[in-house]
Amino acid sequence: MIRVRLPEPPQELVDKGAVELEKARAHFGNAANAGKPFAFGAYKLGPVKDALNATFGFKCAYCESFFGATQPLDVEHFRPKSGVLVGSDLVWGVYYWLAASWGNLLPSCTDCNRPRKQTLPEGGEQTLGKANQFPISSEAKRAAKEGEEKGESRLLVHPCLDHPEKHLLFEANGIVSWRSRKGEESIRVYALLRRGLVQARRDFQRLPDGAGRLPKPALLMNTSESMRPKSIGSALPEQASRNAFSIRRRPSPRNRAKSLQVPAGTMAISTDLSFFF
């Protein structure tokens, strides 16, 4: 995972998202609808997918697997759109107001986003994938209505709001370890130690720098003992992945902006991203 600058939101998302939010408020505000799903659709709009693909280069925001040639984009909700997993219980009616919020939408590969059976490092299998997980430091502060998410202390790294290198350390052997509790939870929730992903990182790191290849990111090369955090141990998962993987540097935001195609009539992105912190 690397830091990525979020561009302006597609105007169609802004317009249709506002209409959808009013309908969602009515749905989730009616006790008779408890547990009933709401048909969110604004986040699936074509301009949304186009903008996310252009911004992230057809790569997963969490693991950087390239999915452009093998699978369609999953538009992932950083905070789940209508229910959140707390322990083994799915709490309904949480975060629906962020379902069409631009900063809450990220591109994700299947293995990071959906529950799937994966192979563990020491053998055995486990079902992994983000799905409706969104860990915070205290469940007592979990948002129950709009605006209360500002009081949460999230435990997941966001590639557009955080500096991932402050929380994650990519070792020379393909393993990723953590520098913070947020990094630790992100590795677990995003399943960043799945077998195919670790092997792909390792293979890439063995490639010589030179013609046709970009240098390895600095965060992959900083593995000195003084900077190395606590070992992950054998309890965290690895998993098979069919995705091609690259941890090459992305273009600078300035160069990326030149190539980013967004619909005409975009509006300035909201500066109020405080709900993510």
Protein backbone atom coordinates (compact mmCIF):
# COMPACT_ATOMS: atom_id res chain seq x y z
CA MET A 1 0.00 0.00 0.00
CA ILE A 2 1.21 3.49 -0.88
CA ARG A 3 -0.23 6.95 -0.36
CA VAL A 4 -2.41 8.16 -3.23
CA ARG A 5 -3.87 11.63 -3.77
CA LEU A 6 -7.63 11.60 -4.20
CA PRO A 7 -8.90 13.67 -7.15
CA GLU A 8 -12.15 15.60 -7.34
CA PRO A 9 -15.32 13.47 -7.18
CA PRO A 10 -17.34 12.77 -10.33
CA GLN A 11 -20.25 15.20 -10.50
CA GLU A 12 -22.70 12.37 -11.16
CA LEU A 13 -21.74 10.80 -7.83
CA VAL A 14 -22.29 14.11 -6.06
CA ASP A 15 -25.71 14.65 -7.63
CA LYS A 16 -27.12 11.13 -7.44
CA GLY A 17 -25.47 10.46 -4.11
CA ALA A 18 -27.34 13.39 -2.54
CA VAL A 19 -30.68 12.07 -3.79
CA GLU A 20 -29.84 8.56 -2.62
CA LEU A 21 -28.83 9.79 0.83
CA GLU A 22 -32.26 11.32 1.44
CA LYS A 23 -33.91 8.01 0.54
CA ALA A 24 -31.46 6.10 2.74
CA ARG A 25 -32.21 8.38 5.69
CA ALA A 26 -35.90 7.62 5.32
CA HIS A 27 -35.24 3.87 5.05
CA PHE A 28 -32.87 3.52 7.97
CA GLY A 29 -34.85 5.96 10.07
CA ASN A 30 -37.94 3.75 9.91
CA ALA A 31 -37.91 1.11 12.67
CA ALA A 32 -40.14 -1.10 10.50
CA ASN A 33 -37.19 -1.52 8.11
CA ALA A 34 -34.80 -2.87 10.74
CA GLY A 35 -32.56 -5.47 9.12
CA LYS A 36 -33.95 -4.84 5.64
CA PRO A 37 -31.39 -4.02 2.92
CA PHE A 38 -31.38 -0.74 1.04
CA ALA A 39 -30.61 -0.67 -2.69
CA PHE A 40 -27.52 1.55 -2.84
CA GLY A 41 -26.46 2.32 -6.39
CA ALA A 42 -24.63 5.65 -6.65
CA TYR A 43 -21.27 4.11 -5.75
CA LYS A 44 -21.56 1.72 -8.74
CA LEU A 45 -21.80 4.49 -11.34
CA GLY A 46 -19.48 4.23 -14.35
CA PRO A 47 -17.77 7.59 -13.73
CA VAL A 48 -16.98 6.45 -10.16
CA LYS A 49 -15.27 3.29 -11.39
CA ASP A 50 -13.45 5.19 -14.14
CA ALA A 51 -12.11 7.78 -11.69
CA LEU A 52 -10.98 5.14 -9.18
CA ASN A 53 -9.27 3.08 -11.88
CA ALA A 54 -7.50 6.16 -13.24
CA THR A 55 -6.39 7.22 -9.77
CA PHE A 56 -5.14 3.82 -8.59
CA GLY A 57 -3.93 2.50 -11.95
CA PHE A 58 -6.32 -0.48 -11.99
CA LYS A 59 -4.77 -1.71 -8.74
CA CYS A 60 -6.24 -2.66 -5.40
CA ALA A 61 -5.99 0.21 -2.92
CA TYR A 62 -4.97 -2.20 -0.16
CA CYS A 63 -2.55 -4.75 -1.65
CA GLU A 64 -1.69 -3.12 -5.01
CA SER A 65 -2.53 -6.24 -6.97
CA PHE A 66 -3.24 -5.37 -10.60
CA PHE A 67 -6.77 -6.50 -11.42
CA GLY A 68 -7.26 -4.68 -14.72
CA ALA A 69 -6.62 -7.74 -16.88
CA THR A 70 -8.34 -10.39 -14.76
CA GLN A 71 -11.40 -9.07 -12.94
CA PRO A 72 -13.81 -6.12 -12.77
CA LEU A 73 -13.42 -3.43 -10.16
CA ASP A 74 -14.98 -3.99 -6.75
CA VAL A 75 -15.89 -0.56 -5.35
CA GLU A 76 -15.09 -1.07 -1.70
CA HIS A 77 -16.59 0.95 1.14
CA PHE A 78 -13.86 1.81 3.63
CA ARG A 79 -16.55 2.13 6.29
CA PRO A 80 -19.23 -0.49 5.45
CA LYS A 81 -22.30 0.99 3.82
CA SER A 82 -25.13 -0.38 5.97
CA GLY A 83 -23.84 -2.69 8.67
CA VAL A 84 -20.61 -3.39 10.55
CA LEU A 85 -19.27 -6.58 12.06
CA VAL A 86 -18.78 -6.27 15.82
CA GLY A 87 -17.42 -9.54 17.16
CA SER A 88 -19.60 -12.14 15.46
CA ASP A 89 -22.63 -9.83 15.17
CA LEU A 90 -23.57 -7.68 12.20
CA VAL A 91 -24.83 -4.34 13.53
CA TRP A 92 -27.38 -2.94 11.09
CA GLY A 93 -27.89 0.69 10.11
CA VAL A 94 -24.34 1.96 10.63
CA TYR A 95 -22.46 4.23 8.18
CA TYR A 96 -25.22 4.21 5.54
CA TRP A 97 -24.76 7.98 5.26
CA LEU A 98 -21.26 7.43 3.87
CA ALA A 99 -22.32 5.01 1.10
CA ALA A 100 -21.78 7.59 -1.65
CA SER A 101 -19.09 9.69 0.05
CA TRP A 102 -16.14 10.01 -2.30
CA GLY A 103 -13.43 9.47 0.31
CA ASN A 104 -15.18 6.31 1.51
CA LEU A 105 -14.95 4.58 -1.89
CA LEU A 106 -11.84 2.62 -2.87
CA PRO A 107 -10.95 0.06 -5.56
CA SER A 108 -10.37 -3.41 -4.17
CA CYS A 109 -9.41 -6.83 -5.43
CA THR A 110 -11.57 -9.85 -4.62
CA ASP A 111 -9.16 -11.28 -2.05
CA CYS A 112 -8.95 -8.11 0.02
CA ASN A 113 -12.64 -7.26 -0.17
CA ARG A 114 -14.62 -10.49 0.06
CA PRO A 115 -14.54 -13.39 2.53
CA ARG A 116 -12.64 -16.25 0.90
CA LYS A 117 -10.97 -19.40 2.16
CA GLN A 118 -7.22 -18.81 2.23
CA THR A 119 -4.12 -20.79 3.15
CA LEU A 120 -2.29 -19.90 6.38
CA PRO A 121 1.52 -19.60 6.60
CA GLU A 122 1.95 -22.75 8.68
CA GLY A 123 -0.69 -24.76 6.85
CA GLY A 124 -4.41 -24.94 7.38
CA GLU A 125 -7.04 -22.63 5.97
CA GLN A 126 -9.05 -19.67 7.19
CA THR A 127 -11.75 -17.45 5.74
CA LEU A 128 -10.31 -13.95 5.27
CA GLY A 129 -11.27 -10.66 3.63
CA LYS A 130 -12.48 -7.25 4.81
CA ALA A 131 -16.22 -7.55 4.08
CA ASN A 132 -18.07 -5.67 6.89
CA GLN A 133 -15.12 -5.30 9.24
CA PHE A 134 -14.14 -1.85 10.50
CA PRO A 135 -12.21 -2.05 13.77
CA ILE A 136 -11.96 1.00 16.02
CA SER A 137 -10.11 1.51 19.28
CA SER A 138 -13.26 1.55 21.44
CA GLU A 139 -16.66 0.07 20.64
CA ALA A 140 -18.16 2.53 23.12
CA LYS A 141 -17.45 5.24 20.53
CA ARG A 142 -18.91 3.37 17.54
CA ALA A 143 -21.11 5.75 15.52
CA ALA A 144 -24.85 5.16 15.72
CA LYS A 145 -25.90 8.21 13.70
CA GLU A 146 -24.50 10.75 11.26
CA GLY A 147 -21.58 12.74 12.56
CA GLU A 148 -20.67 10.43 15.43
CA GLU A 149 -18.02 8.73 13.29
CA LYS A 150 -15.89 11.83 13.89
CA GLY A 151 -15.37 10.62 17.45
CA GLU A 152 -14.13 7.20 16.43
CA SER A 153 -10.47 6.24 16.37
CA ARG A 154 -10.16 3.97 13.35
CA LEU A 155 -7.68 1.12 13.22
CA LEU A 156 -7.39 0.70 9.45
CA VAL A 157 -4.91 2.44 7.14
CA HIS A 158 -6.51 4.54 4.38
CA PRO A 159 -4.21 5.06 1.35
CA CYS A 160 -5.47 8.62 0.70
CA LEU A 161 -5.57 9.87 4.28
CA ASP A 162 -2.63 8.10 5.92
CA HIS A 163 1.03 7.64 5.12
CA PRO A 164 1.10 3.82 4.88
CA GLU A 165 4.87 3.67 5.41
CA LYS A 166 4.32 4.96 8.95
CA HIS A 167 2.22 1.90 9.74
CA LEU A 168 3.48 -0.88 7.46
CA LEU A 169 6.97 -2.23 6.80
CA PHE A 170 7.61 -4.42 3.76
CA GLU A 171 10.49 -6.80 4.43
CA ALA A 172 12.98 -8.02 1.83
CA ASN A 173 11.49 -11.53 1.93
CA GLY A 174 8.01 -10.40 0.87
CA ILE A 175 6.59 -10.32 4.38
CA VAL A 176 4.81 -7.20 5.62
CA SER A 177 4.98 -6.33 9.32
CA TRP A 178 3.61 -3.47 11.33
CA ARG A 179 4.87 -0.26 12.88
CA SER A 180 1.62 0.59 14.71
CA ARG A 181 -1.61 -0.95 15.94
CA LYS A 182 -3.32 0.51 12.89
CA GLY A 183 -0.81 -1.31 10.71
CA GLU A 184 -1.33 -4.56 12.62
CA GLU A 185 -5.11 -4.44 12.18
CA SER A 186 -4.76 -3.50 8.51
CA ILE A 187 -2.57 -6.53 7.80
CA ARG A 188 -5.15 -8.79 9.44
CA VAL A 189 -8.30 -7.24 7.94
CA TYR A 190 -6.91 -6.78 4.41
CA ALA A 191 -5.21 -10.22 4.53
CA LEU A 192 -1.91 -8.70 3.38
CA LEU A 193 0.08 -11.82 4.25
CA ARG A 194 -1.72 -14.19 1.90
CA ARG A 195 0.60 -16.68 0.27
CA GLY A 196 0.39 -15.49 -3.33
CA LEU A 197 0.88 -11.89 -2.32
CA VAL A 198 3.97 -12.63 -0.22
CA GLN A 199 5.46 -14.74 -3.03
CA ALA A 200 4.76 -12.03 -5.62
CA ARG A 201 6.46 -9.39 -3.46
CA ARG A 202 9.43 -11.68 -2.96
CA ASP A 203 9.72 -12.38 -6.69
CA PHE A 204 9.50 -8.71 -7.55
CA GLN A 205 12.16 -7.77 -5.01
CA ARG A 206 14.54 -10.28 -6.61
CA LEU A 207 14.27 -8.60 -10.02
CA PRO A 208 17.34 -6.48 -10.83
CA ASP A 209 16.70 -2.78 -11.25
CA GLY A 210 17.31 -1.70 -14.78
CA ALA A 211 15.78 -1.31 -18.22
CA GLY A 212 12.05 -1.84 -18.18
CA ARG A 213 11.82 -1.95 -14.40
CA LEU A 214 11.28 0.72 -11.81
CA PRO A 215 13.35 0.89 -8.61
CA LYS A 216 12.02 -0.82 -5.52
CA PRO A 217 10.17 1.58 -3.21
CA ALA A 218 12.28 2.86 -0.34
CA LEU A 219 9.91 1.40 2.24
CA LEU A 220 10.76 -2.07 0.93
CA MET A 221 14.45 -1.52 1.37
CA ASN A 222 14.37 -0.18 4.92
CA THR A 223 14.68 -3.38 6.93
CA SER A 224 17.38 -2.46 9.41
CA GLU A 225 17.02 -3.94 12.88
CA SER A 226 16.57 -0.49 14.39
CA MET A 227 13.49 0.12 12.24
CA ARG A 228 12.03 -3.37 12.25
CA PRO A 229 8.88 -3.78 14.36
CA LYS A 230 7.69 -6.79 16.29
CA SER A 231 7.49 -10.00 14.28
CA ILE A 232 4.11 -10.90 12.87
CA GLY A 233 4.37 -14.51 14.03
CA SER A 234 2.58 -17.47 12.53
CA ALA A 235 -0.93 -16.45 13.53
CA LEU A 236 -1.49 -14.07 10.63
CA PRO A 237 -2.55 -15.39 7.23
CA GLU A 238 -1.04 -15.81 3.83
CA GLN A 239 -3.23 -16.78 0.90
CA ALA A 240 -3.10 -17.86 -2.69
CA SER A 241 -3.76 -15.06 -5.15
CA ARG A 242 -4.35 -15.21 -8.87
CA ASN A 243 -3.70 -11.53 -9.29
CA ALA A 244 -0.59 -10.20 -10.99
CA PHE A 245 1.22 -8.12 -8.37
CA SER A 246 3.46 -5.11 -8.63
CA ILE A 247 4.77 -2.78 -5.98
CA ARG A 248 6.24 -0.33 -8.41
CA ARG A 249 6.13 3.36 -7.72
CA ARG A 250 3.08 5.20 -8.98
CA PRO A 251 3.45 8.42 -11.00
CA SER A 252 3.74 11.60 -8.99
CA PRO A 253 0.39 13.28 -8.25
CA ARG A 254 1.28 16.04 -10.71
CA ASN A 255 1.95 13.60 -13.55
CA ARG A 256 -1.04 11.47 -12.61
CA ALA A 257 -3.32 14.49 -12.76
CA LYS A 258 -2.30 15.06 -16.38
CA SER A 259 -3.54 11.63 -17.42
CA LEU A 260 -6.60 11.38 -15.16
CA GLN A 261 -9.81 11.60 -17.15
CA VAL A 262 -12.81 12.70 -15.09
CA PRO A 263 -16.24 13.75 -16.33
CA ALA A 264 -16.81 17.33 -17.33
CA GLY A 265 -18.37 19.50 -14.67
CA THR A 266 -16.68 17.99 -11.65
CA MET A 267 -16.95 19.93 -8.43
CA ALA A 268 -14.28 20.52 -5.83
CA ILE A 269 -13.93 17.64 -3.42
CA SER A 270 -15.34 18.28 0.04
CA THR A 271 -12.64 19.36 2.46
CA ASP A 272 -14.47 17.75 5.36
CA LEU A 273 -12.77 14.35 5.59
CA SER A 274 -12.64 14.51 9.34
CA PHE A 275 -15.00 11.56 9.69
CA PHE A 276 -12.17 9.24 8.62
CA PHE A 277 -9.95 10.09 11.58
